[in-house]
Amino acid sequence: MSEGRGPASVTYGKRDRGFPVAALDAFILQRMTGHEPAPSEPVTLKRRPGRPRKTEQRDQRQMAHWSSIMMAAFLTYLLWAYGFLDMITGCITN
């Protein structure tokens, strides 16, 4: 595998490696007959659903943080626009 002579593989994470059946068959055929088969389409496997990656978790936390700040700013603007903010601050100072 390190020399690039093995069958095409797919990695799952850092250490897990899998081999599509079509790639294994083509590799075995090549080793038995000694000729190169026609190149097949690359195999793409979809990542199974599970726990989000660390970067995805960080992005979700940042999105929640900034959305809460934007909601607070919008609520403050609405209170100011309708005059409730002046009433609230007037009640606090009196």
C-alpha atoms as a PDB file:
ATOM      1  CA  MET A   1       0.000   0.000   0.000  1.00  0.00           C
ATOM      2  CA  SER A   2       2.795   2.445   0.827  1.00  0.00           C
ATOM      3  CA  GLU A   3       4.356   1.874  -2.610  1.00  0.00           C
ATOM      4  CA  GLY A   4       1.051   2.473  -4.390  1.00  0.00           C
ATOM      5  CA  ARG A   5       0.819  -1.016  -5.880  1.00  0.00           C
ATOM      6  CA  GLY A   6      -2.192  -2.248  -3.903  1.00  0.00           C
ATOM      7  CA  PRO A   7      -5.888  -1.980  -4.696  1.00  0.00           C
ATOM      8  CA  ALA A   8      -7.704   1.327  -4.349  1.00  0.00           C
ATOM      9  CA  SER A   9      -8.771   1.877  -0.773  1.00  0.00           C
ATOM     10  CA  VAL A  10     -11.096   4.122   1.157  1.00  0.00           C
ATOM     11  CA  THR A  11     -10.204   5.515   4.580  1.00  0.00           C
ATOM     12  CA  TYR A  12     -12.604   5.906   7.474  1.00  0.00           C
ATOM     13  CA  GLY A  13     -11.001   8.273   9.956  1.00  0.00           C
ATOM     14  CA  LYS A  14      -7.288   8.147  10.692  1.00  0.00           C
ATOM     15  CA  ARG A  15      -6.562   4.407  10.854  1.00  0.00           C
ATOM     16  CA  ASP A  16      -9.462   2.465   9.396  1.00  0.00           C
ATOM     17  CA  ARG A  17      -9.147   1.420   5.772  1.00  0.00           C
ATOM     18  CA  GLY A  18     -11.593  -0.412   3.531  1.00  0.00           C
ATOM     19  CA  PHE A  19     -11.391  -1.919   0.072  1.00  0.00           C
ATOM     20  CA  PRO A  20     -14.295  -1.825  -2.386  1.00  0.00           C
ATOM     21  CA  VAL A  21     -15.078  -5.253  -3.823  1.00  0.00           C
ATOM     22  CA  ALA A  22     -14.662  -4.028  -7.419  1.00  0.00           C
ATOM     23  CA  ALA A  23     -11.174  -2.679  -6.614  1.00  0.00           C
ATOM     24  CA  LEU A  24     -10.142  -5.965  -4.986  1.00  0.00           C
ATOM     25  CA  ASP A  25     -11.428  -7.986  -7.971  1.00  0.00           C
ATOM     26  CA  ALA A  26      -9.550  -5.748 -10.416  1.00  0.00           C
ATOM     27  CA  PHE A  27      -6.366  -6.027  -8.348  1.00  0.00           C
ATOM     28  CA  ILE A  28      -6.593  -9.826  -8.164  1.00  0.00           C
ATOM     29  CA  LEU A  29      -7.269 -10.031 -11.909  1.00  0.00           C
ATOM     30  CA  GLN A  30      -4.277  -7.822 -12.625  1.00  0.00           C
ATOM     31  CA  ARG A  31      -1.998  -9.956 -10.440  1.00  0.00           C
ATOM     32  CA  MET A  32      -3.213 -13.218 -12.020  1.00  0.00           C
ATOM     33  CA  THR A  33      -3.079 -12.173 -15.678  1.00  0.00           C
ATOM     34  CA  GLY A  34      -0.300  -9.610 -15.532  1.00  0.00           C
ATOM     35  CA  HIS A  35      -2.152  -6.949 -17.522  1.00  0.00           C
ATOM     36  CA  GLU A  36      -3.675  -3.671 -16.412  1.00  0.00           C
ATOM     37  CA  PRO A  37      -7.507  -3.639 -16.542  1.00  0.00           C
ATOM     38  CA  ALA A  38      -9.410  -0.615 -17.762  1.00  0.00           C
ATOM     39  CA  PRO A  39      -9.591   2.056 -15.065  1.00  0.00           C
ATOM     40  CA  SER A  40     -12.876   2.056 -13.201  1.00  0.00           C
ATOM     41  CA  GLU A  41     -14.670   5.060 -11.800  1.00  0.00           C
ATOM     42  CA  PRO A  42     -13.429   6.190  -8.399  1.00  0.00           C
ATOM     43  CA  VAL A  43     -15.529   4.906  -5.540  1.00  0.00           C
ATOM     44  CA  THR A  44     -16.942   7.548  -3.235  1.00  0.00           C
ATOM     45  CA  LEU A  45     -18.475   6.469   0.028  1.00  0.00           C
ATOM     46  CA  LYS A  46     -20.674   8.686   2.111  1.00  0.00           C
ATOM     47  CA  ARG A  47     -19.667   9.201   5.715  1.00  0.00           C
ATOM     48  CA  ARG A  48     -22.021   7.508   8.137  1.00  0.00           C
ATOM     49  CA  PRO A  49     -23.981   9.813  10.433  1.00  0.00           C
ATOM     50  CA  GLY A  50     -22.577  10.070  13.895  1.00  0.00           C
ATOM     51  CA  ARG A  51     -21.075  12.539  16.284  1.00  0.00           C
ATOM     52  CA  PRO A  52     -20.060  15.775  14.522  1.00  0.00           C
ATOM     53  CA  ARG A  53     -16.378  16.414  14.038  1.00  0.00           C
ATOM     54  CA  LYS A  54     -14.612  18.914  16.292  1.00  0.00           C
ATOM     55  CA  THR A  55     -14.627  21.630  13.637  1.00  0.00           C
ATOM     56  CA  GLU A  56     -18.354  21.119  13.082  1.00  0.00           C
ATOM     57  CA  GLN A  57     -18.986  21.326  16.827  1.00  0.00           C
ATOM     58  CA  ARG A  58     -16.962  24.546  17.036  1.00  0.00           C
ATOM     59  CA  ASP A  59     -18.846  26.032  14.088  1.00  0.00           C
ATOM     60  CA  GLN A  60     -22.190  25.135  15.691  1.00  0.00           C
ATOM     61  CA  ARG A  61     -21.169  26.758  18.990  1.00  0.00           C
ATOM     62  CA  GLN A  62     -20.029  29.917  17.202  1.00  0.00           C
ATOM     63  CA  MET A  63     -23.249  30.045  15.207  1.00  0.00           C
ATOM     64  CA  ALA A  64     -25.328  29.694  18.390  1.00  0.00           C
ATOM     65  CA  HIS A  65     -23.253  32.399  20.078  1.00  0.00           C
ATOM     66  CA  TRP A  66     -23.606  34.919  17.260  1.00  0.00           C
ATOM     67  CA  SER A  67     -27.269  34.146  16.672  1.00  0.00           C
ATOM     68  CA  SER A  68     -28.012  34.830  20.366  1.00  0.00           C
ATOM     69  CA  ILE A  69     -26.137  38.144  20.135  1.00  0.00           C
ATOM     70  CA  MET A  70     -28.081  39.092  17.002  1.00  0.00           C
ATOM     71  CA  MET A  71     -31.390  38.155  18.657  1.00  0.00           C
ATOM     72  CA  ALA A  72     -30.552  40.312  21.695  1.00  0.00           C
ATOM     73  CA  ALA A  73     -29.596  43.238  19.439  1.00  0.00           C
ATOM     74  CA  PHE A  74     -32.791  42.848  17.423  1.00  0.00           C
ATOM     75  CA  LEU A  75     -34.940  42.674  20.553  1.00  0.00           C
ATOM     76  CA  THR A  76     -33.231  45.808  21.901  1.00  0.00           C
ATOM     77  CA  TYR A  77     -33.891  47.576  18.618  1.00  0.00           C
ATOM     78  CA  LEU A  78     -37.580  46.612  18.699  1.00  0.00           C
ATOM     79  CA  LEU A  79     -37.922  47.851  22.273  1.00  0.00           C
ATOM     80  CA  TRP A  80     -36.236  51.122  21.311  1.00  0.00           C
ATOM     81  CA  ALA A  81     -38.292  51.511  18.126  1.00  0.00           C
ATOM     82  CA  TYR A  82     -41.607  51.161  19.945  1.00  0.00           C
ATOM     83  CA  GLY A  83     -40.574  53.322  22.894  1.00  0.00           C
ATOM     84  CA  PHE A  84     -40.659  50.567  25.477  1.00  0.00           C
ATOM     85  CA  LEU A  85     -36.954  50.903  26.166  1.00  0.00           C
ATOM     86  CA  ASP A  86     -37.418  54.492  27.416  1.00  0.00           C
ATOM     87  CA  MET A  87     -40.264  53.365  29.653  1.00  0.00           C
ATOM     88  CA  ILE A  88     -38.206  50.503  31.077  1.00  0.00           C
ATOM     89  CA  THR A  89     -35.114  52.646  31.736  1.00  0.00           C
ATOM     90  CA  GLY A  90     -37.322  55.369  33.214  1.00  0.00           C
ATOM     91  CA  CYS A  91     -38.822  52.911  35.678  1.00  0.00           C
ATOM     92  CA  ILE A  92     -35.389  51.686  36.722  1.00  0.00           C
ATOM     93  CA  THR A  93     -33.939  55.160  37.339  1.00  0.00           C
ATOM     94  CA  ASN A  94     -36.966  56.418  39.290  1.00  0.00           C
END
